[in-house]
Amino acid sequence: VASGIGHAARWIGAGVLIAIGVVTVIQAWRQPAEVVCGTRPPGR
């Protein structure tokens, strides 16, 4: 099982990281400047 998962694990892990990275870029792109620059509203 470990060797079978081992080859697929690289692709699964890569896909998940790429998706997280894309979501992070999109969310950062949509944030107003004051949130990104450190004057984020409380509770956010």
Full PDB file with SEQRES, HELIX, SHEET, SSBOND, CRYST1, ORIGX, SCALE, CONECT and MASTER records, all heavy atoms in Angstrom:
SEQRES   1 A   44  VAL ALA SER GLY ILE GLY HIS ALA ALA ARG TRP ILE GLY          
SEQRES   2 A   44  ALA GLY VAL LEU ILE ALA ILE GLY VAL VAL THR VAL ILE          
SEQRES   3 A   44  GLN ALA TRP ARG GLN PRO ALA GLU VAL VAL CYS GLY THR          
SEQRES   4 A   44  ARG PRO PRO GLY ARG                                          
HELIX    1 AA1 ALA A    2  ARG A   30  1                                  29    
HELIX    2 AA2 ALA A   33  VAL A   36  1                                   4    
CRYST1    1.000    1.000    1.000  90.00  90.00  90.00 P 1           1          
ORIGX1      1.000000  0.000000  0.000000        0.00000                         
ORIGX2      0.000000  1.000000  0.000000        0.00000                         
ORIGX3      0.000000  0.000000  1.000000        0.00000                         
SCALE1      1.000000  0.000000  0.000000        0.00000                         
SCALE2      0.000000  1.000000  0.000000        0.00000                         
SCALE3      0.000000  0.000000  1.000000        0.00000                         
ATOM      1  N   VAL A   1       0.834  -1.196   0.000  1.00  0.00           N  
ATOM      2  CA  VAL A   1       0.000   0.000   0.000  1.00  0.00           C  
ATOM      3  C   VAL A   1       0.870   1.247   0.000  1.00  0.00           C  
ATOM      4  O   VAL A   1       0.613   2.201  -0.744  1.00  0.00           O  
ATOM      5  CB  VAL A   1      -0.965  -0.014   1.206  1.00  0.00           C  
ATOM      6  CG1 VAL A   1      -1.769   1.261   1.266  1.00  0.00           C  
ATOM      7  CG2 VAL A   1      -1.882  -1.220   1.123  1.00  0.00           C  
ATOM      8  N   ALA A   2       1.924   1.278   0.799  1.00  0.00           N  
ATOM      9  CA  ALA A   2       2.774   2.463   0.881  1.00  0.00           C  
ATOM     10  C   ALA A   2       3.452   2.750  -0.448  1.00  0.00           C  
ATOM     11  O   ALA A   2       3.525   3.897  -0.870  1.00  0.00           O  
ATOM     12  CB  ALA A   2       3.820   2.306   1.986  1.00  0.00           C  
ATOM     13  N   SER A   3       3.954   1.724  -1.124  1.00  0.00           N  
ATOM     14  CA  SER A   3       4.627   1.992  -2.389  1.00  0.00           C  
ATOM     15  C   SER A   3       3.619   2.403  -3.459  1.00  0.00           C  
ATOM     16  O   SER A   3       3.916   3.224  -4.307  1.00  0.00           O  
ATOM     17  CB  SER A   3       5.445   0.786  -2.838  1.00  0.00           C  
ATOM     18  OG  SER A   3       4.605  -0.320  -3.086  1.00  0.00           O  
ATOM     19  N   GLY A   4       2.415   1.834  -3.430  1.00  0.00           N  
ATOM     20  CA  GLY A   4       1.371   2.240  -4.372  1.00  0.00           C  
ATOM     21  C   GLY A   4       0.930   3.670  -4.146  1.00  0.00           C  
ATOM     22  O   GLY A   4       0.733   4.437  -5.085  1.00  0.00           O  
ATOM     23  N   ILE A   5       0.777   4.047  -2.888  1.00  0.00           N  
ATOM     24  CA  ILE A   5       0.405   5.418  -2.549  1.00  0.00           C  
ATOM     25  C   ILE A   5       1.577   6.356  -2.808  1.00  0.00           C  
ATOM     26  O   ILE A   5       1.382   7.498  -3.202  1.00  0.00           O  
ATOM     27  CB  ILE A   5      -0.046   5.507  -1.072  1.00  0.00           C  
ATOM     28  CG1 ILE A   5      -1.357   4.767  -0.877  1.00  0.00           C  
ATOM     29  CG2 ILE A   5      -0.205   6.952  -0.636  1.00  0.00           C  
ATOM     30  CD1 ILE A   5      -1.783   4.658   0.564  1.00  0.00           C  
ATOM     31  N   GLY A   6       2.793   5.862  -2.622  1.00  0.00           N  
ATOM     32  CA  GLY A   6       3.983   6.708  -2.765  1.00  0.00           C  
ATOM     33  C   GLY A   6       4.047   7.441  -4.082  1.00  0.00           C  
ATOM     34  O   GLY A   6       4.313   8.631  -4.125  1.00  0.00           O  
ATOM     35  N   HIS A   7       3.780   6.764  -5.194  1.00  0.00           N  
ATOM     36  CA  HIS A   7       3.837   7.419  -6.493  1.00  0.00           C  
ATOM     37  C   HIS A   7       2.681   8.405  -6.654  1.00  0.00           C  
ATOM     38  O   HIS A   7       2.874   9.525  -7.119  1.00  0.00           O  
ATOM     39  CB  HIS A   7       3.812   6.376  -7.616  1.00  0.00           C  
ATOM     40  CG  HIS A   7       3.917   6.976  -8.971  1.00  0.00           C  
ATOM     41  ND1 HIS A   7       5.057   7.605  -9.402  1.00  0.00           N  
ATOM     42  CD2 HIS A   7       3.015   7.085  -9.967  1.00  0.00           C  
ATOM     43  CE1 HIS A   7       4.858   8.062 -10.635  1.00  0.00           C  
ATOM     44  NE2 HIS A   7       3.623   7.756 -10.993  1.00  0.00           N  
ATOM     45  N   ALA A   8       1.477   8.001  -6.264  1.00  0.00           N  
ATOM     46  CA  ALA A   8       0.317   8.884  -6.378  1.00  0.00           C  
ATOM     47  C   ALA A   8       0.389  10.033  -5.383  1.00  0.00           C  
ATOM     48  O   ALA A   8      -0.142  11.112  -5.645  1.00  0.00           O  
ATOM     49  CB  ALA A   8      -0.964   8.086  -6.163  1.00  0.00           C  
ATOM     50  N   ALA A   9       1.056   9.814  -4.253  1.00  0.00           N  
ATOM     51  CA  ALA A   9       1.132  10.841  -3.216  1.00  0.00           C  
ATOM     52  C   ALA A   9       1.776  12.113  -3.738  1.00  0.00           C  
ATOM     53  O   ALA A   9       1.360  13.218  -3.385  1.00  0.00           O  
ATOM     54  CB  ALA A   9       1.910  10.318  -2.008  1.00  0.00           C  
ATOM     55  N   ARG A  10       2.777  11.968  -4.578  1.00  0.00           N  
ATOM     56  CA  ARG A  10       3.459  13.143  -5.132  1.00  0.00           C  
ATOM     57  C   ARG A  10       2.461  13.988  -5.917  1.00  0.00           C  
ATOM     58  O   ARG A  10       2.429  15.200  -5.796  1.00  0.00           O  
ATOM     59  CB  ARG A  10       4.618  12.699  -6.011  1.00  0.00           C  
ATOM     60  CG  ARG A  10       5.348  13.846  -6.643  1.00  0.00           C  
ATOM     61  CD  ARG A  10       6.528  13.393  -7.419  1.00  0.00           C  
ATOM     62  NE  ARG A  10       6.086  12.527  -8.504  1.00  0.00           N  
ATOM     63  CZ  ARG A  10       6.774  12.321  -9.603  1.00  0.00           C  
ATOM     64  NH1 ARG A  10       7.955  12.874  -9.745  1.00  0.00           N  
ATOM     65  NH2 ARG A  10       6.324  11.547 -10.546  1.00  0.00           N  
ATOM     66  N   TRP A  11       1.622  13.335  -6.725  1.00  0.00           N  
ATOM     67  CA  TRP A  11       0.662  14.066  -7.556  1.00  0.00           C  
ATOM     68  C   TRP A  11      -0.461  14.661  -6.720  1.00  0.00           C  
ATOM     69  O   TRP A  11      -0.885  15.798  -6.969  1.00  0.00           O  
ATOM     70  CB  TRP A  11       0.096  13.145  -8.632  1.00  0.00           C  
ATOM     71  CG  TRP A  11       1.160  12.735  -9.597  1.00  0.00           C  
ATOM     72  CD1 TRP A  11       1.808  11.527  -9.655  1.00  0.00           C  
ATOM     73  CD2 TRP A  11       1.748  13.545 -10.615  1.00  0.00           C  
ATOM     74  NE1 TRP A  11       2.752  11.543 -10.641  1.00  0.00           N  
ATOM     75  CE2 TRP A  11       2.738  12.777 -11.260  1.00  0.00           C  
ATOM     76  CE3 TRP A  11       1.534  14.850 -11.035  1.00  0.00           C  
ATOM     77  CZ2 TRP A  11       3.499  13.268 -12.303  1.00  0.00           C  
ATOM     78  CZ3 TRP A  11       2.299  15.338 -12.092  1.00  0.00           C  
ATOM     79  CH2 TRP A  11       3.265  14.550 -12.709  1.00  0.00           C  
ATOM     80  N   ILE A  12      -0.938  13.908  -5.743  1.00  0.00           N  
ATOM     81  CA  ILE A  12      -2.001  14.409  -4.870  1.00  0.00           C  
ATOM     82  C   ILE A  12      -1.503  15.613  -4.077  1.00  0.00           C  
ATOM     83  O   ILE A  12      -2.145  16.659  -4.020  1.00  0.00           O  
ATOM     84  CB  ILE A  12      -2.508  13.301  -3.917  1.00  0.00           C  
ATOM     85  CG1 ILE A  12      -3.185  12.190  -4.722  1.00  0.00           C  
ATOM     86  CG2 ILE A  12      -3.459  13.875  -2.866  1.00  0.00           C  
ATOM     87  CD1 ILE A  12      -3.437  10.921  -3.917  1.00  0.00           C  
ATOM     88  N   GLY A  13      -0.335  15.459  -3.456  1.00  0.00           N  
ATOM     89  CA  GLY A  13       0.246  16.559  -2.677  1.00  0.00           C  
ATOM     90  C   GLY A  13       0.493  17.785  -3.533  1.00  0.00           C  
ATOM     91  O   GLY A  13       0.211  18.917  -3.125  1.00  0.00           O  
ATOM     92  N   ALA A  14       1.017  17.578  -4.738  1.00  0.00           N  
ATOM     93  CA  ALA A  14       1.285  18.698  -5.644  1.00  0.00           C  
ATOM     94  C   ALA A  14      -0.011  19.415  -6.006  1.00  0.00           C  
ATOM     95  O   ALA A  14      -0.077  20.653  -5.973  1.00  0.00           O  
ATOM     96  CB  ALA A  14       1.989  18.200  -6.896  1.00  0.00           C  
ATOM     97  N   GLY A  15      -1.045  18.648  -6.319  1.00  0.00           N  
ATOM     98  CA  GLY A  15      -2.324  19.255  -6.683  1.00  0.00           C  
ATOM     99  C   GLY A  15      -2.928  20.065  -5.552  1.00  0.00           C  
ATOM    100  O   GLY A  15      -3.443  21.176  -5.765  1.00  0.00           O  
ATOM    101  N   VAL A  16      -2.854  19.529  -4.345  1.00  0.00           N  
ATOM    102  CA  VAL A  16      -3.399  20.236  -3.185  1.00  0.00           C  
ATOM    103  C   VAL A  16      -2.626  21.534  -2.936  1.00  0.00           C  
ATOM    104  O   VAL A  16      -3.227  22.594  -2.707  1.00  0.00           O  
ATOM    105  CB  VAL A  16      -3.394  19.332  -1.933  1.00  0.00           C  
ATOM    106  CG1 VAL A  16      -3.715  20.121  -0.671  1.00  0.00           C  
ATOM    107  CG2 VAL A  16      -4.375  18.186  -2.102  1.00  0.00           C  
ATOM    108  N   LEU A  17      -1.301  21.482  -3.006  1.00  0.00           N  
ATOM    109  CA  LEU A  17      -0.509  22.698  -2.785  1.00  0.00           C  
ATOM    110  C   LEU A  17      -0.763  23.744  -3.862  1.00  0.00           C  
ATOM    111  O   LEU A  17      -0.842  24.941  -3.572  1.00  0.00           O  
ATOM    112  CB  LEU A  17       0.980  22.362  -2.721  1.00  0.00           C  
ATOM    113  CG  LEU A  17       1.433  21.680  -1.438  1.00  0.00           C  
ATOM    114  CD1 LEU A  17       2.911  21.324  -1.528  1.00  0.00           C  
ATOM    115  CD2 LEU A  17       1.185  22.554  -0.238  1.00  0.00           C  
ATOM    116  N   ILE A  18      -0.873  23.311  -5.104  1.00  0.00           N  
ATOM    117  CA  ILE A  18      -1.159  24.254  -6.186  1.00  0.00           C  
ATOM    118  C   ILE A  18      -2.518  24.911  -5.947  1.00  0.00           C  
ATOM    119  O   ILE A  18      -2.662  26.136  -6.093  1.00  0.00           O  
ATOM    120  CB  ILE A  18      -1.095  23.548  -7.554  1.00  0.00           C  
ATOM    121  CG1 ILE A  18       0.364  23.182  -7.885  1.00  0.00           C  
ATOM    122  CG2 ILE A  18      -1.701  24.423  -8.660  1.00  0.00           C  
ATOM    123  CD1 ILE A  18       0.530  22.250  -9.075  1.00  0.00           C  
ATOM    124  N   ALA A  19      -3.513  24.121  -5.560  1.00  0.00           N  
ATOM    125  CA  ALA A  19      -4.844  24.680  -5.290  1.00  0.00           C  
ATOM    126  C   ALA A  19      -4.803  25.678  -4.139  1.00  0.00           C  
ATOM    127  O   ALA A  19      -5.398  26.765  -4.228  1.00  0.00           O  
ATOM    128  CB  ALA A  19      -5.829  23.548  -4.977  1.00  0.00           C  
ATOM    129  N   ILE A  20      -4.098  25.346  -3.060  1.00  0.00           N  
ATOM    130  CA  ILE A  20      -3.990  26.269  -1.924  1.00  0.00           C  
ATOM    131  C   ILE A  20      -3.287  27.546  -2.354  1.00  0.00           C  
ATOM    132  O   ILE A  20      -3.695  28.654  -1.989  1.00  0.00           O  
ATOM    133  CB  ILE A  20      -3.261  25.598  -0.742  1.00  0.00           C  
ATOM    134  CG1 ILE A  20      -4.153  24.517  -0.129  1.00  0.00           C  
ATOM    135  CG2 ILE A  20      -2.877  26.632   0.326  1.00  0.00           C  
ATOM    136  CD1 ILE A  20      -3.452  23.651   0.892  1.00  0.00           C  
ATOM    137  N   GLY A  21      -2.222  27.417  -3.135  1.00  0.00           N  
ATOM    138  CA  GLY A  21      -1.501  28.594  -3.624  1.00  0.00           C  
ATOM    139  C   GLY A  21      -2.373  29.480  -4.488  1.00  0.00           C  
ATOM    140  O   GLY A  21      -2.366  30.714  -4.342  1.00  0.00           O  
ATOM    141  N   VAL A  22      -3.151  28.881  -5.392  1.00  0.00           N  
ATOM    142  CA  VAL A  22      -4.036  29.657  -6.263  1.00  0.00           C  
ATOM    143  C   VAL A  22      -5.095  30.382  -5.437  1.00  0.00           C  
ATOM    144  O   VAL A  22      -5.362  31.578  -5.645  1.00  0.00           O  
ATOM    145  CB  VAL A  22      -4.672  28.747  -7.339  1.00  0.00           C  
ATOM    146  CG1 VAL A  22      -5.818  29.454  -8.058  1.00  0.00           C  
ATOM    147  CG2 VAL A  22      -3.622  28.296  -8.340  1.00  0.00           C  
ATOM    148  N   VAL A  23      -5.694  29.677  -4.481  1.00  0.00           N  
ATOM    149  CA  VAL A  23      -6.698  30.312  -3.614  1.00  0.00           C  
ATOM    150  C   VAL A  23      -6.073  31.467  -2.835  1.00  0.00           C  
ATOM    151  O   VAL A  23      -6.670  32.540  -2.704  1.00  0.00           O  
ATOM    152  CB  VAL A  23      -7.329  29.270  -2.661  1.00  0.00           C  
ATOM    153  CG1 VAL A  23      -8.133  29.939  -1.556  1.00  0.00           C  
ATOM    154  CG2 VAL A  23      -8.201  28.305  -3.443  1.00  0.00           C  
ATOM    155  N   THR A  24      -4.863  31.290  -2.332  1.00  0.00           N  
ATOM    156  CA  THR A  24      -4.173  32.354  -1.589  1.00  0.00           C  
ATOM    157  C   THR A  24      -3.947  33.571  -2.473  1.00  0.00           C  
ATOM    158  O   THR A  24      -4.186  34.712  -2.046  1.00  0.00           O  
ATOM    159  CB  THR A  24      -2.832  31.835  -1.033  1.00  0.00           C  
ATOM    160  OG1 THR A  24      -3.099  30.746  -0.150  1.00  0.00           O  
ATOM    161  CG2 THR A  24      -2.087  32.924  -0.280  1.00  0.00           C  
ATOM    162  N   VAL A  25      -3.482  33.358  -3.694  1.00  0.00           N  
ATOM    163  CA  VAL A  25      -3.247  34.470  -4.619  1.00  0.00           C  
ATOM    164  C   VAL A  25      -4.557  35.196  -4.916  1.00  0.00           C  
ATOM    165  O   VAL A  25      -4.611  36.430  -4.868  1.00  0.00           O  
ATOM    166  CB  VAL A  25      -2.590  33.972  -5.930  1.00  0.00           C  
ATOM    167  CG1 VAL A  25      -2.599  35.052  -6.997  1.00  0.00           C  
ATOM    168  CG2 VAL A  25      -1.171  33.502  -5.671  1.00  0.00           C  
ATOM    169  N   ILE A  26      -5.612  34.456  -5.191  1.00  0.00           N  
ATOM    170  CA  ILE A  26      -6.902  35.076  -5.507  1.00  0.00           C  
ATOM    171  C   ILE A  26      -7.429  35.870  -4.324  1.00  0.00           C  
ATOM    172  O   ILE A  26      -7.887  37.006  -4.471  1.00  0.00           O  
ATOM    173  CB  ILE A  26      -7.919  34.011  -5.974  1.00  0.00           C  
ATOM    174  CG1 ILE A  26      -7.510  33.468  -7.342  1.00  0.00           C  
ATOM    175  CG2 ILE A  26      -9.340  34.577  -6.012  1.00  0.00           C  
ATOM    176  CD1 ILE A  26      -8.285  32.236  -7.776  1.00  0.00           C  
ATOM    177  N   GLN A  27      -7.352  35.277  -3.120  1.00  0.00           N  
ATOM    178  CA  GLN A  27      -7.838  35.990  -1.936  1.00  0.00           C  
ATOM    179  C   GLN A  27      -7.012  37.235  -1.663  1.00  0.00           C  
ATOM    180  O   GLN A  27      -7.560  38.276  -1.307  1.00  0.00           O  
ATOM    181  CB  GLN A  27      -7.823  35.074  -0.716  1.00  0.00           C  
ATOM    182  CG  GLN A  27      -8.926  34.043  -0.740  1.00  0.00           C  
ATOM    183  CD  GLN A  27      -8.879  33.108   0.458  1.00  0.00           C  
ATOM    184  OE1 GLN A  27      -7.883  33.013   1.161  1.00  0.00           O  
ATOM    185  NE2 GLN A  27      -9.972  32.399   0.682  1.00  0.00           N  
ATOM    186  N   ALA A  28      -5.701  37.160  -1.818  1.00  0.00           N  
ATOM    187  CA  ALA A  28      -4.851  38.327  -1.594  1.00  0.00           C  
ATOM    188  C   ALA A  28      -5.136  39.405  -2.639  1.00  0.00           C  
ATOM    189  O   ALA A  28      -5.119  40.598  -2.335  1.00  0.00           O  
ATOM    190  CB  ALA A  28      -3.378  37.929  -1.632  1.00  0.00           C  
ATOM    191  N   TRP A  29      -5.411  38.996  -3.848  1.00  0.00           N  
ATOM    192  CA  TRP A  29      -5.697  39.935  -4.926  1.00  0.00           C  
ATOM    193  C   TRP A  29      -6.990  40.704  -4.657  1.00  0.00           C  
ATOM    194  O   TRP A  29      -7.091  41.893  -4.942  1.00  0.00           O  
ATOM    195  CB  TRP A  29      -5.827  39.170  -6.238  1.00  0.00           C  
ATOM    196  CG  TRP A  29      -5.803  40.059  -7.438  1.00  0.00           C  
ATOM    197  CD1 TRP A  29      -6.873  40.695  -8.021  1.00  0.00           C  
ATOM    198  CD2 TRP A  29      -4.668  40.427  -8.200  1.00  0.00           C  
ATOM    199  NE1 TRP A  29      -6.471  41.415  -9.091  1.00  0.00           N  
ATOM    200  CE2 TRP A  29      -5.114  41.269  -9.235  1.00  0.00           C  
ATOM    201  CE3 TRP A  29      -3.323  40.119  -8.120  1.00  0.00           C  
ATOM    202  CZ2 TRP A  29      -4.252  41.813 -10.167  1.00  0.00           C  
ATOM    203  CZ3 TRP A  29      -2.476  40.659  -9.061  1.00  0.00           C  
ATOM    204  CH2 TRP A  29      -2.942  41.496 -10.061  1.00  0.00           C  
ATOM    205  N   ARG A  30      -7.964  40.022  -4.047  1.00  0.00           N  
ATOM    206  CA  ARG A  30      -9.276  40.620  -3.789  1.00  0.00           C  
ATOM    207  C   ARG A  30      -9.316  41.479  -2.531  1.00  0.00           C  
ATOM    208  O   ARG A  30     -10.250  42.251  -2.349  1.00  0.00           O  
ATOM    209  CB  ARG A  30     -10.330  39.531  -3.667  1.00  0.00           C  
ATOM    210  CG  ARG A  30     -10.611  38.848  -4.968  1.00  0.00           C  
ATOM    211  CD  ARG A  30     -11.674  37.814  -4.790  1.00  0.00           C  
ATOM    212  NE  ARG A  30     -12.008  37.187  -6.064  1.00  0.00           N  
ATOM    213  CZ  ARG A  30     -12.790  36.153  -6.188  1.00  0.00           C  
ATOM    214  NH1 ARG A  30     -13.357  35.609  -5.118  1.00  0.00           N  
ATOM    215  NH2 ARG A  30     -13.043  35.649  -7.364  1.00  0.00           N  
ATOM    216  N   GLN A  31      -8.327  41.332  -1.638  1.00  0.00           N  
ATOM    217  CA  GLN A  31      -8.344  42.069  -0.380  1.00  0.00           C  
ATOM    218  C   GLN A  31      -8.063  43.550  -0.618  1.00  0.00           C  
ATOM    219  O   GLN A  31      -7.191  43.899  -1.411  1.00  0.00           O  
ATOM    220  CB  GLN A  31      -7.294  41.538   0.592  1.00  0.00           C  
ATOM    221  CG  GLN A  31      -7.643  40.195   1.162  1.00  0.00           C  
ATOM    222  CD  GLN A  31      -6.555  39.691   2.099  1.00  0.00           C  
ATOM    223  OE1 GLN A  31      -5.447  40.199   2.122  1.00  0.00           O  
ATOM    224  NE2 GLN A  31      -6.884  38.684   2.866  1.00  0.00           N  
ATOM    225  N   PRO A  32      -8.772  44.401   0.124  1.00  0.00           N  
ATOM    226  CA  PRO A  32      -8.461  45.830   0.043  1.00  0.00           C  
ATOM    227  C   PRO A  32      -7.046  46.093   0.554  1.00  0.00           C  
ATOM    228  O   PRO A  32      -6.510  45.348   1.367  1.00  0.00           O  
ATOM    229  CB  PRO A  32      -9.487  46.479   0.967  1.00  0.00           C  
ATOM    230  CG  PRO A  32     -10.485  45.433   1.313  1.00  0.00           C  
ATOM    231  CD  PRO A  32      -9.876  44.108   1.012  1.00  0.00           C  
ATOM    232  N   ALA A  33      -6.447  47.165   0.110  1.00  0.00           N  
ATOM    233  CA  ALA A  33      -5.060  47.497   0.462  1.00  0.00           C  
ATOM    234  C   ALA A  33      -4.851  47.604   1.961  1.00  0.00           C  
ATOM    235  O   ALA A  33      -3.825  47.182   2.484  1.00  0.00           O  
ATOM    236  CB  ALA A  33      -4.635  48.801  -0.213  1.00  0.00           C  
ATOM    237  N   GLU A  34      -5.826  48.142   2.692  1.00  0.00           N  
ATOM    238  CA  GLU A  34      -5.616  48.306   4.139  1.00  0.00           C  
ATOM    239  C   GLU A  34      -5.536  46.974   4.862  1.00  0.00           C  
ATOM    240  O   GLU A  34      -4.888  46.857   5.892  1.00  0.00           O  
ATOM    241  CB  GLU A  34      -6.699  49.192   4.772  1.00  0.00           C  
ATOM    242  CG  GLU A  34      -8.096  48.614   4.764  1.00  0.00           C  
ATOM    243  CD  GLU A  34      -8.870  48.921   3.484  1.00  0.00           C  
ATOM    244  OE1 GLU A  34      -8.316  49.570   2.579  1.00  0.00           O  
ATOM    245  OE2 GLU A  34     -10.039  48.501   3.388  1.00  0.00           O  
ATOM    246  N   VAL A  35      -6.181  45.929   4.343  1.00  0.00           N  
ATOM    247  CA  VAL A  35      -6.109  44.615   4.972  1.00  0.00           C  
ATOM    248  C   VAL A  35      -4.734  44.012   4.743  1.00  0.00           C  
ATOM    249  O   VAL A  35      -4.111  43.471   5.638  1.00  0.00           O  
ATOM    250  CB  VAL A  35      -7.217  43.680   4.419  1.00  0.00           C  
ATOM    251  CG1 VAL A  35      -7.034  42.268   4.941  1.00  0.00           C  
ATOM    252  CG2 VAL A  35      -8.586  44.219   4.805  1.00  0.00           C  
ATOM    253  N   VAL A  36      -4.225  44.103   3.524  1.00  0.00           N  
ATOM    254  CA  VAL A  36      -2.928  43.525   3.189  1.00  0.00           C  
ATOM    255  C   VAL A  36      -1.798  44.274   3.874  1.00  0.00           C  
ATOM    256  O   VAL A  36      -0.807  43.703   4.288  1.00  0.00           O  
ATOM    257  CB  VAL A  36      -2.730  43.513   1.650  1.00  0.00           C  
ATOM    258  CG1 VAL A  36      -1.360  42.995   1.290  1.00  0.00           C  
ATOM    259  CG2 VAL A  36      -3.803  42.678   0.993  1.00  0.00           C  
ATOM    260  N   CYS A  37      -1.942  45.588   4.026  1.00  0.00           N  
ATOM    261  CA  CYS A  37      -0.855  46.405   4.585  1.00  0.00           C  
ATOM    262  C   CYS A  37      -0.830  46.418   6.099  1.00  0.00           C  
ATOM    263  O   CYS A  37      -0.057  47.159   6.693  1.00  0.00           O  
ATOM    264  CB  CYS A  37      -0.954  47.831   4.054  1.00  0.00           C  
ATOM    265  SG  CYS A  37      -0.613  47.921   2.301  1.00  0.00           S  
ATOM    266  N   GLY A  38      -1.689  45.656   6.748  1.00  0.00           N  
ATOM    267  CA  GLY A  38      -1.572  45.511   8.193  1.00  0.00           C  
ATOM    268  C   GLY A  38      -2.595  46.272   9.002  1.00  0.00           C  
ATOM    269  O   GLY A  38      -2.557  46.245  10.217  1.00  0.00           O  
ATOM    270  N   THR A  39      -3.517  46.977   8.384  1.00  0.00           N  
ATOM    271  CA  THR A  39      -4.546  47.671   9.152  1.00  0.00           C  
ATOM    272  C   THR A  39      -5.865  46.926   9.023  1.00  0.00           C  
ATOM    273  O   THR A  39      -6.903  47.506   8.806  1.00  0.00           O  
ATOM    274  CB  THR A  39      -4.692  49.128   8.663  1.00  0.00           C  
ATOM    275  OG1 THR A  39      -4.986  49.104   7.261  1.00  0.00           O  
ATOM    276  CG2 THR A  39      -3.436  49.923   8.928  1.00  0.00           C  
ATOM    277  N   ARG A  40      -5.789  45.633   9.153  1.00  0.00           N  
ATOM    278  CA  ARG A  40      -6.928  44.732   9.009  1.00  0.00           C  
ATOM    279  C   ARG A  40      -7.981  45.042  10.074  1.00  0.00           C  
ATOM    280  O   ARG A  40      -7.661  45.249  11.236  1.00  0.00           O  
ATOM    281  CB  ARG A  40      -6.398  43.303   9.190  1.00  0.00           C  
ATOM    282  CG  ARG A  40      -7.398  42.220   9.173  1.00  0.00           C  
ATOM    283  CD  ARG A  40      -6.752  40.850   9.399  1.00  0.00           C  
ATOM    284  NE  ARG A  40      -5.389  40.739   8.971  1.00  0.00           N  
ATOM    285  CZ  ARG A  40      -4.999  40.536   7.716  1.00  0.00           C  
ATOM    286  NH1 ARG A  40      -5.886  40.433   6.775  1.00  0.00           N  
ATOM    287  NH2 ARG A  40      -3.731  40.449   7.426  1.00  0.00           N  
ATOM    288  N   PRO A  41      -9.266  45.017   9.684  1.00  0.00           N  
ATOM    289  CA  PRO A  41     -10.322  45.211  10.668  1.00  0.00           C  
ATOM    290  C   PRO A  41     -10.282  44.115  11.732  1.00  0.00           C  
ATOM    291  O   PRO A  41      -9.923  42.985  11.434  1.00  0.00           O  
ATOM    292  CB  PRO A  41     -11.610  45.098   9.839  1.00  0.00           C  
ATOM    293  CG  PRO A  41     -11.201  45.322   8.422  1.00  0.00           C  
ATOM    294  CD  PRO A  41      -9.778  44.870   8.330  1.00  0.00           C  
ATOM    295  N   PRO A  42     -10.650  44.429  12.980  1.00  0.00           N  
ATOM    296  CA  PRO A  42     -10.624  43.432  14.044  1.00  0.00           C  
ATOM    297  C   PRO A  42     -11.517  42.247  13.703  1.00  0.00           C  
ATOM    298  O   PRO A  42     -12.567  42.397  13.093  1.00  0.00           O  
ATOM    299  CB  PRO A  42     -11.174  44.185  15.263  1.00  0.00           C  
ATOM    300  CG  PRO A  42     -11.139  45.628  14.919  1.00  0.00           C  
ATOM    301  CD  PRO A  42     -11.104  45.732  13.430  1.00  0.00           C  
ATOM    302  N   GLY A  43     -11.071  41.071  14.118  1.00  0.00           N  
ATOM    303  CA  GLY A  43     -11.847  39.863  13.923  1.00  0.00           C  
ATOM    304  C   GLY A  43     -11.675  39.229  12.550  1.00  0.00           C  
ATOM    305  O   GLY A  43     -12.235  38.190  12.275  1.00  0.00           O  
ATOM    306  N   ARG A  44     -10.925  39.843  11.688  1.00  0.00           N  
ATOM    307  CA  ARG A  44     -10.715  39.284  10.345  1.00  0.00           C  
ATOM    308  C   ARG A  44      -9.398  38.519  10.350  1.00  0.00           C  
ATOM    309  O   ARG A  44      -8.333  39.100  10.517  1.00  0.00           O  
ATOM    310  CB  ARG A  44     -10.670  40.426   9.339  1.00  0.00           C  
ATOM    311  CG  ARG A  44     -10.623  39.918   7.937  1.00  0.00           C  
ATOM    312  CD  ARG A  44     -11.533  40.714   7.060  1.00  0.00           C  
ATOM    313  NE  ARG A  44     -11.445  40.109   5.745  1.00  0.00           N  
ATOM    314  CZ  ARG A  44     -11.447  40.786   4.641  1.00  0.00           C  
ATOM    315  NH1 ARG A  44     -11.575  42.090   4.666  1.00  0.00           N  
ATOM    316  NH2 ARG A  44     -11.361  40.173   3.501  1.00  0.00           N  
TER     317      ARG A  44                                                      
MASTER        0    0    0    2    0    0    0    6  316    1    0    4          
END                                                                             
